[in-house]
Amino acid sequence: MSSTRETAGSQRPRGWLSLRQAATIYGVSVDTLRRRITVGKLPARRFGPRLIRVQASDVEALLRPIPTIGTIHARHSA
């Protein structure tokens, strides 16, 4: 499993993360991740009877900011 510690200029973690690791890295609660898993918006895998893991890339995609009119106009005028 990959490291989840971030330092200045480091890349986002890759690979499987525990819900606690993902919540800490991405600034959301474990309950938020569990709700997204329950409704099918966040794929997850169970490793054993209790251990749930998510792919860092799936969490990143789920939490990617939605462009607003202001950011779209800023990109086009730059």
PDB file of N, CA and C in Angstrom:
ATOM      1  N   MET A   1       0.849  -1.179   0.000  1.00  0.00           N
ATOM      2  CA  MET A   1       0.000   0.000   0.000  1.00  0.00           C
ATOM      3  C   MET A   1       0.888   1.233   0.000  1.00  0.00           C
ATOM      4  N   SER A   2       0.438   2.261  -0.653  1.00  0.00           N
ATOM      5  CA  SER A   2       1.245   3.472  -0.784  1.00  0.00           C
ATOM      6  C   SER A   2       1.150   4.349   0.452  1.00  0.00           C
ATOM      7  N   SER A   3       2.109   5.234   0.573  1.00  0.00           N
ATOM      8  CA  SER A   3       2.127   6.172   1.694  1.00  0.00           C
ATOM      9  C   SER A   3       1.041   7.212   1.525  1.00  0.00           C
ATOM     10  N   THR A   4       0.463   7.641   2.648  1.00  0.00           N
ATOM     11  CA  THR A   4      -0.584   8.653   2.577  1.00  0.00           C
ATOM     12  C   THR A   4      -0.135   9.978   3.166  1.00  0.00           C
ATOM     13  N   ARG A   5       1.101  10.049   3.628  1.00  0.00           N
ATOM     14  CA  ARG A   5       1.595  11.304   4.202  1.00  0.00           C
ATOM     15  C   ARG A   5       1.907  12.283   3.085  1.00  0.00           C
ATOM     16  N   GLU A   6       1.425  13.501   3.240  1.00  0.00           N
ATOM     17  CA  GLU A   6       1.679  14.513   2.225  1.00  0.00           C
ATOM     18  C   GLU A   6       2.673  15.538   2.747  1.00  0.00           C
ATOM     19  N   THR A   7       3.573  15.930   1.877  1.00  0.00           N
ATOM     20  CA  THR A   7       4.496  17.004   2.203  1.00  0.00           C
ATOM     21  C   THR A   7       4.346  18.066   1.138  1.00  0.00           C
ATOM     22  N   ALA A   8       4.929  19.216   1.368  1.00  0.00           N
ATOM     23  CA  ALA A   8       4.817  20.306   0.397  1.00  0.00           C
ATOM     24  C   ALA A   8       5.311  19.833  -0.958  1.00  0.00           C
ATOM     25  N   GLY A   9       4.475  20.002  -1.974  1.00  0.00           N
ATOM     26  CA  GLY A   9       4.843  19.620  -3.322  1.00  0.00           C
ATOM     27  C   GLY A   9       4.682  18.143  -3.633  1.00  0.00           C
ATOM     28  N   SER A  10       4.218  17.353  -2.689  1.00  0.00           N
ATOM     29  CA  SER A  10       4.055  15.933  -2.963  1.00  0.00           C
ATOM     30  C   SER A  10       2.784  15.685  -3.757  1.00  0.00           C
ATOM     31  N   GLN A  11       2.746  14.537  -4.413  1.00  0.00           N
ATOM     32  CA  GLN A  11       1.566  14.149  -5.165  1.00  0.00           C
ATOM     33  C   GLN A  11       0.542  13.550  -4.216  1.00  0.00           C
ATOM     34  N   ARG A  12      -0.682  13.502  -4.684  1.00  0.00           N
ATOM     35  CA  ARG A  12      -1.726  12.830  -3.914  1.00  0.00           C
ATOM     36  C   ARG A  12      -1.371  11.354  -3.810  1.00  0.00           C
ATOM     37  N   PRO A  13      -1.835  10.696  -2.754  1.00  0.00           N
ATOM     38  CA  PRO A  13      -1.543   9.270  -2.596  1.00  0.00           C
ATOM     39  C   PRO A  13      -2.211   8.452  -3.695  1.00  0.00           C
ATOM     40  N   ARG A  14      -1.648   7.298  -3.967  1.00  0.00           N
ATOM     41  CA  ARG A  14      -2.216   6.382  -4.943  1.00  0.00           C
ATOM     42  C   ARG A  14      -2.502   5.064  -4.257  1.00  0.00           C
ATOM     43  N   GLY A  15      -3.349   4.273  -4.860  1.00  0.00           N
ATOM     44  CA  GLY A  15      -3.623   2.950  -4.337  1.00  0.00           C
ATOM     45  C   GLY A  15      -4.783   2.940  -3.361  1.00  0.00           C
ATOM     46  N   TRP A  16      -4.837   1.888  -2.581  1.00  0.00           N
ATOM     47  CA  TRP A  16      -5.941   1.675  -1.649  1.00  0.00           C
ATOM     48  C   TRP A  16      -5.720   2.447  -0.353  1.00  0.00           C
ATOM     49  N   LEU A  17      -6.783   3.089   0.128  1.00  0.00           N
ATOM     50  CA  LEU A  17      -6.748   3.839   1.384  1.00  0.00           C
ATOM     51  C   LEU A  17      -7.856   3.340   2.296  1.00  0.00           C
ATOM     52  N   SER A  18      -7.605   3.383   3.592  1.00  0.00           N
ATOM     53  CA  SER A  18      -8.697   3.130   4.532  1.00  0.00           C
ATOM     54  C   SER A  18      -9.631   4.330   4.494  1.00  0.00           C
ATOM     55  N   LEU A  19     -10.837   4.156   4.989  1.00  0.00           N
ATOM     56  CA  LEU A  19     -11.772   5.279   5.016  1.00  0.00           C
ATOM     57  C   LEU A  19     -11.233   6.408   5.883  1.00  0.00           C
ATOM     58  N   ARG A  20     -10.588   6.069   6.970  1.00  0.00           N
ATOM     59  CA  ARG A  20     -10.021   7.098   7.850  1.00  0.00           C
ATOM     60  C   ARG A  20      -8.905   7.870   7.140  1.00  0.00           C
ATOM     61  N   GLN A  21      -8.030   7.153   6.449  1.00  0.00           N
ATOM     62  CA  GLN A  21      -6.957   7.823   5.700  1.00  0.00           C
ATOM     63  C   GLN A  21      -7.535   8.751   4.634  1.00  0.00           C
ATOM     64  N   ALA A  22      -8.484   8.244   3.868  1.00  0.00           N
ATOM     65  CA  ALA A  22      -9.087   9.043   2.795  1.00  0.00           C
ATOM     66  C   ALA A  22      -9.788  10.272   3.364  1.00  0.00           C
ATOM     67  N   ALA A  23     -10.504  10.100   4.463  1.00  0.00           N
ATOM     68  CA  ALA A  23     -11.215  11.226   5.076  1.00  0.00           C
ATOM     69  C   ALA A  23     -10.233  12.298   5.537  1.00  0.00           C
ATOM     70  N   THR A  24      -9.138  11.891   6.143  1.00  0.00           N
ATOM     71  CA  THR A  24      -8.135  12.841   6.626  1.00  0.00           C
ATOM     72  C   THR A  24      -7.468  13.578   5.466  1.00  0.00           C
ATOM     73  N   ILE A  25      -7.064  12.853   4.452  1.00  0.00           N
ATOM     74  CA  ILE A  25      -6.362  13.450   3.317  1.00  0.00           C
ATOM     75  C   ILE A  25      -7.244  14.432   2.561  1.00  0.00           C
ATOM     76  N   TYR A  26      -8.500  14.053   2.349  1.00  0.00           N
ATOM     77  CA  TYR A  26      -9.379  14.860   1.500  1.00  0.00           C
ATOM     78  C   TYR A  26     -10.288  15.800   2.281  1.00  0.00           C
ATOM     79  N   GLY A  27     -10.158  15.817   3.606  1.00  0.00           N
ATOM     80  CA  GLY A  27     -10.881  16.791   4.420  1.00  0.00           C
ATOM     81  C   GLY A  27     -12.379  16.566   4.514  1.00  0.00           C
ATOM     82  N   VAL A  28     -12.791  15.311   4.529  1.00  0.00           N
ATOM     83  CA  VAL A  28     -14.201  14.976   4.710  1.00  0.00           C
ATOM     84  C   VAL A  28     -14.314  13.991   5.861  1.00  0.00           C
ATOM     85  N   SER A  29     -15.529  13.697   6.274  1.00  0.00           N
ATOM     86  CA  SER A  29     -15.705  12.742   7.366  1.00  0.00           C
ATOM     87  C   SER A  29     -15.791  11.317   6.823  1.00  0.00           C
ATOM     88  N   VAL A  30     -15.502  10.363   7.688  1.00  0.00           N
ATOM     89  CA  VAL A  30     -15.652   8.957   7.338  1.00  0.00           C
ATOM     90  C   VAL A  30     -17.113   8.684   6.982  1.00  0.00           C
ATOM     91  N   ASP A  31     -18.035   9.301   7.714  1.00  0.00           N
ATOM     92  CA  ASP A  31     -19.460   9.116   7.423  1.00  0.00           C
ATOM     93  C   ASP A  31     -19.821   9.595   6.020  1.00  0.00           C
ATOM     94  N   THR A  32     -19.221  10.689   5.576  1.00  0.00           N
ATOM     95  CA  THR A  32     -19.464  11.177   4.213  1.00  0.00           C
ATOM     96  C   THR A  32     -19.035  10.123   3.198  1.00  0.00           C
ATOM     97  N   LEU A  33     -17.865   9.539   3.403  1.00  0.00           N
ATOM     98  CA  LEU A  33     -17.391   8.498   2.488  1.00  0.00           C
ATOM     99  C   LEU A  33     -18.306   7.282   2.533  1.00  0.00           C
ATOM    100  N   ARG A  34     -18.725   6.880   3.722  1.00  0.00           N
ATOM    101  CA  ARG A  34     -19.635   5.734   3.850  1.00  0.00           C
ATOM    102  C   ARG A  34     -20.952   5.986   3.119  1.00  0.00           C
ATOM    103  N   ARG A  35     -21.481   7.214   3.232  1.00  0.00           N
ATOM    104  CA  ARG A  35     -22.731   7.542   2.526  1.00  0.00           C
ATOM    105  C   ARG A  35     -22.536   7.451   1.017  1.00  0.00           C
ATOM    106  N   ARG A  36     -21.412   7.935   0.520  1.00  0.00           N
ATOM    107  CA  ARG A  36     -21.151   7.875  -0.922  1.00  0.00           C
ATOM    108  C   ARG A  36     -21.011   6.425  -1.391  1.00  0.00           C
ATOM    109  N   ILE A  37     -20.422   5.585  -0.563  1.00  0.00           N
ATOM    110  CA  ILE A  37     -20.315   4.159  -0.887  1.00  0.00           C
ATOM    111  C   ILE A  37     -21.707   3.535  -0.928  1.00  0.00           C
ATOM    112  N   THR A  38     -22.532   3.840   0.061  1.00  0.00           N
ATOM    113  CA  THR A  38     -23.872   3.265   0.166  1.00  0.00           C
ATOM    114  C   THR A  38     -24.739   3.589  -1.046  1.00  0.00           C
ATOM    115  N   VAL A  39     -24.660   4.823  -1.546  1.00  0.00           N
ATOM    116  CA  VAL A  39     -25.493   5.210  -2.695  1.00  0.00           C
ATOM    117  C   VAL A  39     -24.831   4.877  -4.038  1.00  0.00           C
ATOM    118  N   GLY A  40     -23.644   4.290  -4.001  1.00  0.00           N
ATOM    119  CA  GLY A  40     -22.994   3.846  -5.226  1.00  0.00           C
ATOM    120  C   GLY A  40     -22.154   4.891  -5.934  1.00  0.00           C
ATOM    121  N   LYS A  41     -21.866   5.999  -5.284  1.00  0.00           N
ATOM    122  CA  LYS A  41     -21.061   7.048  -5.915  1.00  0.00           C
ATOM    123  C   LYS A  41     -19.567   6.863  -5.689  1.00  0.00           C
ATOM    124  N   LEU A  42     -19.200   6.024  -4.738  1.00  0.00           N
ATOM    125  CA  LEU A  42     -17.787   5.771  -4.449  1.00  0.00           C
ATOM    126  C   LEU A  42     -17.561   4.264  -4.392  1.00  0.00           C
ATOM    127  N   PRO A  43     -16.833   3.707  -5.362  1.00  0.00           N
ATOM    128  CA  PRO A  43     -16.535   2.274  -5.327  1.00  0.00           C
ATOM    129  C   PRO A  43     -15.645   1.947  -4.129  1.00  0.00           C
ATOM    130  N   ALA A  44     -15.885   0.810  -3.522  1.00  0.00           N
ATOM    131  CA  ALA A  44     -15.087   0.376  -2.372  1.00  0.00           C
ATOM    132  C   ALA A  44     -14.954  -1.139  -2.417  1.00  0.00           C
ATOM    133  N   ARG A  45     -13.962  -1.638  -1.724  1.00  0.00           N
ATOM    134  CA  ARG A  45     -13.747  -3.080  -1.613  1.00  0.00           C
ATOM    135  C   ARG A  45     -13.602  -3.441  -0.145  1.00  0.00           C
ATOM    136  N   ARG A  46     -14.110  -4.606   0.174  1.00  0.00           N
ATOM    137  CA  ARG A  46     -13.966  -5.121   1.535  1.00  0.00           C
ATOM    138  C   ARG A  46     -12.821  -6.127   1.531  1.00  0.00           C
ATOM    139  N   PHE A  47     -11.877  -5.939   2.429  1.00  0.00           N
ATOM    140  CA  PHE A  47     -10.751  -6.845   2.613  1.00  0.00           C
ATOM    141  C   PHE A  47     -10.933  -7.501   3.976  1.00  0.00           C
ATOM    142  N   GLY A  48     -11.502  -8.669   3.989  1.00  0.00           N
ATOM    143  CA  GLY A  48     -11.814  -9.325   5.248  1.00  0.00           C
ATOM    144  C   GLY A  48     -13.188  -8.903   5.734  1.00  0.00           C
ATOM    145  N   PRO A  49     -13.543  -9.299   6.951  1.00  0.00           N
ATOM    146  CA  PRO A  49     -14.900  -9.034   7.437  1.00  0.00           C
ATOM    147  C   PRO A  49     -15.190  -7.570   7.780  1.00  0.00           C
ATOM    148  N   ARG A  50     -14.171  -6.781   8.099  1.00  0.00           N
ATOM    149  CA  ARG A  50     -14.425  -5.415   8.559  1.00  0.00           C
ATOM    150  C   ARG A  50     -13.684  -4.328   7.793  1.00  0.00           C
ATOM    151  N   LEU A  51     -12.619  -4.666   7.141  1.00  0.00           N
ATOM    152  CA  LEU A  51     -11.737  -3.678   6.529  1.00  0.00           C
ATOM    153  C   LEU A  51     -12.264  -3.231   5.166  1.00  0.00           C
ATOM    154  N   ILE A  52     -12.567  -1.939   5.033  1.00  0.00           N
ATOM    155  CA  ILE A  52     -13.054  -1.362   3.781  1.00  0.00           C
ATOM    156  C   ILE A  52     -11.990  -0.417   3.252  1.00  0.00           C
ATOM    157  N   ARG A  53     -11.699  -0.545   1.961  1.00  0.00           N
ATOM    158  CA  ARG A  53     -10.705   0.314   1.318  1.00  0.00           C
ATOM    159  C   ARG A  53     -11.320   0.964   0.078  1.00  0.00           C
ATOM    160  N   VAL A  54     -10.821   2.156  -0.235  1.00  0.00           N
ATOM    161  CA  VAL A  54     -11.225   2.874  -1.442  1.00  0.00           C
ATOM    162  C   VAL A  54      -9.966   3.257  -2.211  1.00  0.00           C
ATOM    163  N   GLN A  55     -10.099   3.389  -3.507  1.00  0.00           N
ATOM    164  CA  GLN A  55      -8.983   3.838  -4.329  1.00  0.00           C
ATOM    165  C   GLN A  55      -8.849   5.351  -4.182  1.00  0.00           C
ATOM    166  N   ALA A  56      -7.639   5.821  -3.992  1.00  0.00           N
ATOM    167  CA  ALA A  56      -7.404   7.263  -3.866  1.00  0.00           C
ATOM    168  C   ALA A  56      -7.922   8.002  -5.095  1.00  0.00           C
ATOM    169  N   SER A  57      -7.740   7.427  -6.269  1.00  0.00           N
ATOM    170  CA  SER A  57      -8.195   8.088  -7.501  1.00  0.00           C
ATOM    171  C   SER A  57      -9.714   8.216  -7.548  1.00  0.00           C
ATOM    172  N   ASP A  58     -10.436   7.249  -6.978  1.00  0.00           N
ATOM    173  CA  ASP A  58     -11.900   7.329  -6.939  1.00  0.00           C
ATOM    174  C   ASP A  58     -12.365   8.433  -6.001  1.00  0.00           C
ATOM    175  N   VAL A  59     -11.692   8.571  -4.859  1.00  0.00           N
ATOM    176  CA  VAL A  59     -12.051   9.639  -3.917  1.00  0.00           C
ATOM    177  C   VAL A  59     -11.739  10.992  -4.549  1.00  0.00           C
ATOM    178  N   GLU A  60     -10.592  11.087  -5.190  1.00  0.00           N
ATOM    179  CA  GLU A  60     -10.189  12.331  -5.858  1.00  0.00           C
ATOM    180  C   GLU A  60     -11.221  12.737  -6.910  1.00  0.00           C
ATOM    181  N   ALA A  61     -11.663  11.775  -7.717  1.00  0.00           N
ATOM    182  CA  ALA A  61     -12.648  12.062  -8.767  1.00  0.00           C
ATOM    183  C   ALA A  61     -13.986  12.485  -8.167  1.00  0.00           C
ATOM    184  N   LEU A  62     -14.376  11.846  -7.085  1.00  0.00           N
ATOM    185  CA  LEU A  62     -15.645  12.175  -6.436  1.00  0.00           C
ATOM    186  C   LEU A  62     -15.628  13.584  -5.869  1.00  0.00           C
ATOM    187  N   LEU A  63     -14.495  13.997  -5.334  1.00  0.00           N
ATOM    188  CA  LEU A  63     -14.406  15.280  -4.644  1.00  0.00           C
ATOM    189  C   LEU A  63     -13.816  16.383  -5.520  1.00  0.00           C
ATOM    190  N   ARG A  64     -13.658  16.130  -6.814  1.00  0.00           N
ATOM    191  CA  ARG A  64     -13.118  17.137  -7.731  1.00  0.00           C
ATOM    192  C   ARG A  64     -14.058  18.336  -7.772  1.00  0.00           C
ATOM    193  N   PRO A  65     -13.531  19.555  -7.681  1.00  0.00           N
ATOM    194  CA  PRO A  65     -14.385  20.749  -7.705  1.00  0.00           C
ATOM    195  C   PRO A  65     -15.167  20.856  -9.017  1.00  0.00           C
ATOM    196  N   ILE A  66     -16.376  21.324  -8.896  1.00  0.00           N
ATOM    197  CA  ILE A  66     -17.221  21.555 -10.063  1.00  0.00           C
ATOM    198  C   ILE A  66     -16.924  22.949 -10.587  1.00  0.00           C
ATOM    199  N   PRO A  67     -16.649  23.089 -11.884  1.00  0.00           N
ATOM    200  CA  PRO A  67     -16.381  24.422 -12.429  1.00  0.00           C
ATOM    201  C   PRO A  67     -17.618  25.312 -12.328  1.00  0.00           C
ATOM    202  N   THR A  68     -17.406  26.556 -11.993  1.00  0.00           N
ATOM    203  CA  THR A  68     -18.492  27.529 -11.937  1.00  0.00           C
ATOM    204  C   THR A  68     -18.370  28.460 -13.130  1.00  0.00           C
ATOM    205  N   ILE A  69     -19.380  29.251 -13.349  1.00  0.00           N
ATOM    206  CA  ILE A  69     -19.346  30.210 -14.452  1.00  0.00           C
ATOM    207  C   ILE A  69     -18.117  31.112 -14.329  1.00  0.00           C
ATOM    208  N   GLY A  70     -17.811  31.548 -13.101  1.00  0.00           N
ATOM    209  CA  GLY A  70     -16.660  32.424 -12.879  1.00  0.00           C
ATOM    210  C   GLY A  70     -15.347  31.776 -13.265  1.00  0.00           C
ATOM    211  N   THR A  71     -15.160  30.510 -12.908  1.00  0.00           N
ATOM    212  CA  THR A  71     -13.900  29.841 -13.243  1.00  0.00           C
ATOM    213  C   THR A  71     -13.820  29.524 -14.727  1.00  0.00           C
ATOM    214  N   ILE A  72     -14.957  29.247 -15.355  1.00  0.00           N
ATOM    215  CA  ILE A  72     -14.961  28.979 -16.794  1.00  0.00           C
ATOM    216  C   ILE A  72     -14.592  30.247 -17.559  1.00  0.00           C
ATOM    217  N   HIS A  73     -15.187  31.381 -17.167  1.00  0.00           N
ATOM    218  CA  HIS A  73     -14.868  32.653 -17.821  1.00  0.00           C
ATOM    219  C   HIS A  73     -13.409  33.040 -17.585  1.00  0.00           C
ATOM    220  N   ALA A  74     -12.894  32.771 -16.401  1.00  0.00           N
ATOM    221  CA  ALA A  74     -11.502  33.111 -16.091  1.00  0.00           C
ATOM    222  C   ALA A  74     -10.547  32.312 -16.975  1.00  0.00           C
ATOM    223  N   ARG A  75     -10.861  31.047 -17.231  1.00  0.00           N
ATOM    224  CA  ARG A  75     -10.011  30.214 -18.083  1.00  0.00           C
ATOM    225  C   ARG A  75      -9.999  30.721 -19.521  1.00  0.00           C
ATOM    226  N   HIS A  76     -11.168  31.126 -20.003  1.00  0.00           N
ATOM    227  CA  HIS A  76     -11.270  31.563 -21.393  1.00  0.00           C
ATOM    228  C   HIS A  76     -10.673  32.945 -21.630  1.00  0.00           C
ATOM    229  N   SER A  77     -10.654  33.777 -20.605  1.00  0.00           N
ATOM    230  CA  SER A  77     -10.120  35.130 -20.784  1.00  0.00           C
ATOM    231  C   SER A  77      -8.619  35.203 -20.524  1.00  0.00           C
ATOM    232  N   ALA A  78      -8.042  34.142 -19.984  1.00  0.00           N
ATOM    233  CA  ALA A  78      -6.605  34.148 -19.667  1.00  0.00           C
ATOM    234  C   ALA A  78      -5.747  33.891 -20.872  1.00  0.00           C
TER     235      ALA A  78
END
